[in-house]
Amino acid sequence: MSKKGMSICKKGYSIDKVTLASSELKLLASFDGVEVMHQELDANITFDVYPAEEGMKILEFFYLLDGEIKCIVSDENIDVLTPGDYFYATNLKEHYVFKTLTNVKLLYISSQPLFYYIGEALIKLHKINEQIERKDNYTRGHSERVQDYAMKIALELELERDKLAKLAIAALFHDLGKIYIEDYILNKPDKLTDNEY
């Protein structure tokens, strides 16, 4: 209900939402470029907080409502974040990589409108991943496991931070080429001919 400038909303209501298999992003409020969002993420999801585009001033604020998160890439040694903990970014110079240790609920506030940008990107990436998994159902969940192992190895090797986000995306979509390979070749039990290879 909205009356005389006051909006009162019941649990479950949102202006808009993007729901995927392992996450949901809801737009709860929006005014003058500021957005308040509610985000739910399944366990073992890796996500990044990136620097803003050149010349863009933005505040991104994340308040942990439920679950546990670990910052896996930063200069500081950060313990596991639990409900009531929060983090925010302003004038960020490098990206930070986080991993959900459990199912997580976040209150996410941005001083710039990002909901539709984030939602569109999530939908596109999710559709690509679904195409890969549909193409080869035998390896369902394989890309996420590869991403998880790649990040663990990269952290042990102390890989530079700017390379970690690229590695996370590359690992997740390393089988992208499967989408365009004919099923009879992809699932062929025998050795490929020179022409098939």
Protein backbone atom coordinates (compact mmCIF):
# COMPACT_ATOMS: atom_id res chain seq x y z
CA MET A 1 0.00 0.00 0.00
CA SER A 2 1.30 3.46 -0.89
CA LYS A 3 -0.38 6.55 0.45
CA LYS A 4 0.84 10.15 0.83
CA GLY A 5 4.47 9.19 0.27
CA MET A 6 4.50 6.21 2.65
CA SER A 7 4.69 2.66 1.29
CA ILE A 8 3.90 -0.27 3.56
CA CYS A 9 4.55 -3.68 2.05
CA LYS A 10 3.82 -7.17 3.33
CA LYS A 11 6.33 -10.01 3.49
CA GLY A 12 6.97 -11.51 0.06
CA TYR A 13 6.05 -8.38 -1.91
CA SER A 14 8.57 -6.91 -4.35
CA ILE A 15 8.45 -4.42 -7.21
CA ASP A 16 10.22 -6.95 -9.42
CA LYS A 17 12.32 -10.07 -9.03
CA VAL A 18 14.71 -12.35 -10.87
CA THR A 19 14.58 -15.99 -9.79
CA LEU A 20 17.18 -18.52 -10.89
CA ALA A 21 17.97 -22.06 -9.76
CA SER A 22 20.52 -20.98 -7.14
CA SER A 23 19.59 -17.36 -6.44
CA GLU A 24 16.84 -14.79 -6.25
CA LEU A 25 17.12 -11.02 -6.42
CA LYS A 26 14.12 -8.87 -5.43
CA LEU A 27 13.75 -5.14 -5.92
CA LEU A 28 12.04 -3.93 -2.73
CA ALA A 29 12.22 -0.14 -3.15
CA SER A 30 13.53 2.34 -5.66
CA PHE A 31 13.70 6.14 -5.53
CA ASP A 32 15.87 8.75 -7.21
CA GLY A 33 18.41 6.14 -8.33
CA VAL A 34 18.69 4.41 -4.94
CA GLU A 35 17.62 0.78 -4.89
CA VAL A 36 16.94 -1.54 -1.97
CA MET A 37 17.14 -5.22 -2.87
CA HIS A 38 16.82 -8.56 -1.12
CA GLN A 39 19.11 -11.29 -2.41
CA GLU A 40 19.06 -15.00 -1.63
CA LEU A 41 21.94 -17.23 -2.66
CA ASP A 42 22.41 -20.96 -2.25
CA ALA A 43 25.47 -22.37 -0.49
CA ASN A 44 28.76 -22.57 -2.40
CA ILE A 45 28.04 -19.64 -4.71
CA THR A 46 30.96 -17.39 -5.60
CA PHE A 47 30.17 -13.74 -6.25
CA ASP A 48 32.22 -10.61 -6.84
CA VAL A 49 31.90 -6.96 -5.92
CA TYR A 50 33.49 -4.98 -8.73
CA PRO A 51 34.82 -1.43 -8.94
CA ALA A 52 32.39 1.00 -10.57
CA GLU A 53 32.87 2.15 -14.14
CA GLU A 54 35.21 5.09 -14.66
CA GLY A 55 33.71 8.29 -13.27
CA MET A 56 30.70 6.56 -11.65
CA LYS A 57 30.15 7.26 -7.95
CA ILE A 58 28.33 4.46 -6.19
CA LEU A 59 27.74 2.98 -2.76
CA GLU A 60 26.93 -0.73 -2.58
CA PHE A 61 25.90 -1.91 0.89
CA PHE A 62 25.35 -5.57 1.84
CA TYR A 63 23.79 -6.52 5.20
CA LEU A 64 23.82 -10.22 6.04
CA LEU A 65 20.38 -11.26 7.28
CA ASP A 66 20.93 -15.02 7.34
CA GLY A 67 23.70 -17.50 6.58
CA GLU A 68 27.48 -17.32 6.37
CA ILE A 69 29.80 -15.70 3.83
CA LYS A 70 33.57 -15.77 3.50
CA CYS A 71 35.57 -13.11 1.68
CA ILE A 72 38.01 -15.31 -0.20
CA VAL A 73 39.92 -12.57 -1.98
CA SER A 74 41.00 -9.42 -0.19
CA ASP A 75 44.07 -7.81 1.32
CA GLU A 76 42.70 -8.26 4.81
CA ASN A 77 42.24 -11.52 6.67
CA ILE A 78 38.46 -11.45 7.14
CA ASP A 79 36.71 -14.01 9.30
CA VAL A 80 33.46 -15.63 8.26
CA LEU A 81 30.62 -13.09 8.10
CA THR A 82 27.47 -14.09 10.01
CA PRO A 83 24.01 -12.51 10.45
CA GLY A 84 24.29 -8.87 11.49
CA ASP A 85 27.66 -8.40 9.77
CA TYR A 86 27.82 -6.15 6.74
CA PHE A 87 30.18 -4.82 4.10
CA TYR A 88 29.98 -1.96 1.65
CA ALA A 89 31.98 -0.52 -1.20
CA THR A 90 32.65 3.07 -2.26
CA ASN A 91 35.35 4.13 -4.72
CA LEU A 92 36.44 0.49 -4.93
CA LYS A 93 39.80 0.09 -6.69
CA GLU A 94 39.91 -3.72 -6.92
CA HIS A 95 37.26 -6.41 -6.93
CA TYR A 96 36.53 -8.64 -3.95
CA VAL A 97 35.43 -12.25 -4.23
CA PHE A 98 33.00 -13.77 -1.73
CA LYS A 99 31.68 -17.30 -1.27
CA THR A 100 28.49 -18.37 0.44
CA LEU A 101 29.22 -21.09 2.98
CA THR A 102 25.51 -21.72 3.62
CA ASN A 103 22.27 -20.50 2.07
CA VAL A 104 22.39 -16.73 2.45
CA LYS A 105 19.95 -13.80 2.63
CA LEU A 106 21.28 -10.29 2.07
CA LEU A 107 19.81 -6.82 2.19
CA TYR A 108 21.51 -5.06 -0.72
CA ILE A 109 21.34 -1.28 -1.13
CA SER A 110 22.80 0.57 -4.09
CA SER A 111 23.04 4.33 -4.62
CA GLN A 112 22.70 3.73 -8.38
CA PRO A 113 20.04 1.71 -10.21
CA LEU A 114 21.58 -1.76 -10.70
CA PHE A 115 18.67 -4.20 -10.33
CA TYR A 116 17.83 -4.55 -14.02
CA TYR A 117 21.49 -4.58 -15.04
CA ILE A 118 22.34 -7.33 -12.51
CA GLY A 119 19.13 -9.24 -13.24
CA GLU A 120 19.71 -9.22 -16.99
CA ALA A 121 23.32 -10.38 -16.57
CA LEU A 122 22.30 -13.18 -14.17
CA ILE A 123 19.60 -14.40 -16.53
CA LYS A 124 21.97 -14.46 -19.52
CA LEU A 125 24.70 -16.31 -17.62
CA HIS A 126 22.19 -18.78 -16.14
CA LYS A 127 20.71 -19.52 -19.59
CA ILE A 128 24.16 -20.22 -21.01
CA ASN A 129 24.94 -22.56 -18.12
CA GLU A 130 21.58 -24.32 -18.59
CA GLN A 131 22.36 -24.82 -22.29
CA ILE A 132 25.69 -26.40 -21.42
CA GLU A 133 24.11 -28.75 -18.87
CA ARG A 134 21.22 -29.69 -21.19
CA LYS A 135 23.70 -30.54 -23.90
CA ASP A 136 25.50 -33.01 -21.63
CA ASN A 137 23.23 -34.01 -18.73
CA TYR A 138 25.78 -36.62 -17.61
CA THR A 139 28.05 -33.84 -16.30
CA ARG A 140 25.34 -31.84 -14.45
CA GLY A 141 26.95 -29.63 -11.81
CA HIS A 142 30.39 -30.22 -13.34
CA SER A 143 31.00 -26.54 -14.20
CA GLU A 144 30.28 -25.40 -10.65
CA ARG A 145 32.63 -28.06 -9.27
CA VAL A 146 35.38 -26.99 -11.70
CA GLN A 147 34.87 -23.38 -10.60
CA ASP A 148 35.07 -24.36 -6.94
CA TYR A 149 38.30 -26.36 -7.40
CA ALA A 150 39.85 -23.69 -9.64
CA MET A 151 39.22 -21.00 -7.03
CA LYS A 152 40.64 -23.17 -4.23
CA ILE A 153 43.80 -23.87 -6.24
CA ALA A 154 44.15 -20.22 -7.27
CA LEU A 155 43.88 -19.09 -3.67
CA GLU A 156 46.51 -21.61 -2.56
CA LEU A 157 48.78 -20.34 -5.35
CA GLU A 158 48.04 -16.77 -4.22
CA LEU A 159 47.02 -15.79 -7.74
CA GLU A 160 46.66 -12.04 -8.25
CA ARG A 161 43.23 -10.68 -7.41
CA ASP A 162 42.55 -9.20 -10.84
CA LYS A 163 42.92 -12.67 -12.36
CA LEU A 164 40.60 -14.43 -9.90
CA ALA A 165 37.32 -13.02 -11.27
CA LYS A 166 38.36 -13.96 -14.79
CA LEU A 167 39.25 -17.45 -13.60
CA ALA A 168 35.88 -17.85 -11.84
CA ILE A 169 33.99 -16.99 -15.05
CA ALA A 170 36.31 -19.04 -17.28
CA ALA A 171 36.01 -22.10 -15.03
CA LEU A 172 32.23 -21.85 -14.92
CA PHE A 173 31.94 -21.62 -18.71
CA HIS A 174 34.87 -23.80 -19.77
CA ASP A 175 32.51 -26.21 -21.57
CA LEU A 176 30.74 -23.50 -23.55
CA GLY A 177 31.83 -25.08 -26.83
CA LYS A 178 29.67 -28.15 -26.11
CA ILE A 179 26.58 -26.15 -27.07
CA TYR A 180 27.64 -26.13 -30.72
CA ILE A 181 28.89 -29.71 -31.02
CA GLU A 182 26.55 -32.26 -32.59
CA ASP A 183 25.18 -34.79 -30.07
CA TYR A 184 26.42 -37.79 -32.05
CA ILE A 185 29.99 -36.44 -31.78
CA LEU A 186 29.74 -35.26 -28.17
CA ASN A 187 28.37 -38.62 -26.98
CA LYS A 188 30.28 -40.89 -29.32
CA PRO A 189 31.65 -43.84 -27.32
CA ASP A 190 34.38 -44.59 -29.88
CA LYS A 191 37.41 -42.61 -30.98
CA LEU A 192 36.60 -39.55 -33.09
CA THR A 193 37.54 -39.55 -36.75
CA ASP A 194 39.89 -36.83 -37.98
CA ASN A 195 36.91 -35.03 -39.54
CA GLU A 196 34.84 -35.24 -36.30
CA TYR A 197 37.78 -34.05 -34.22
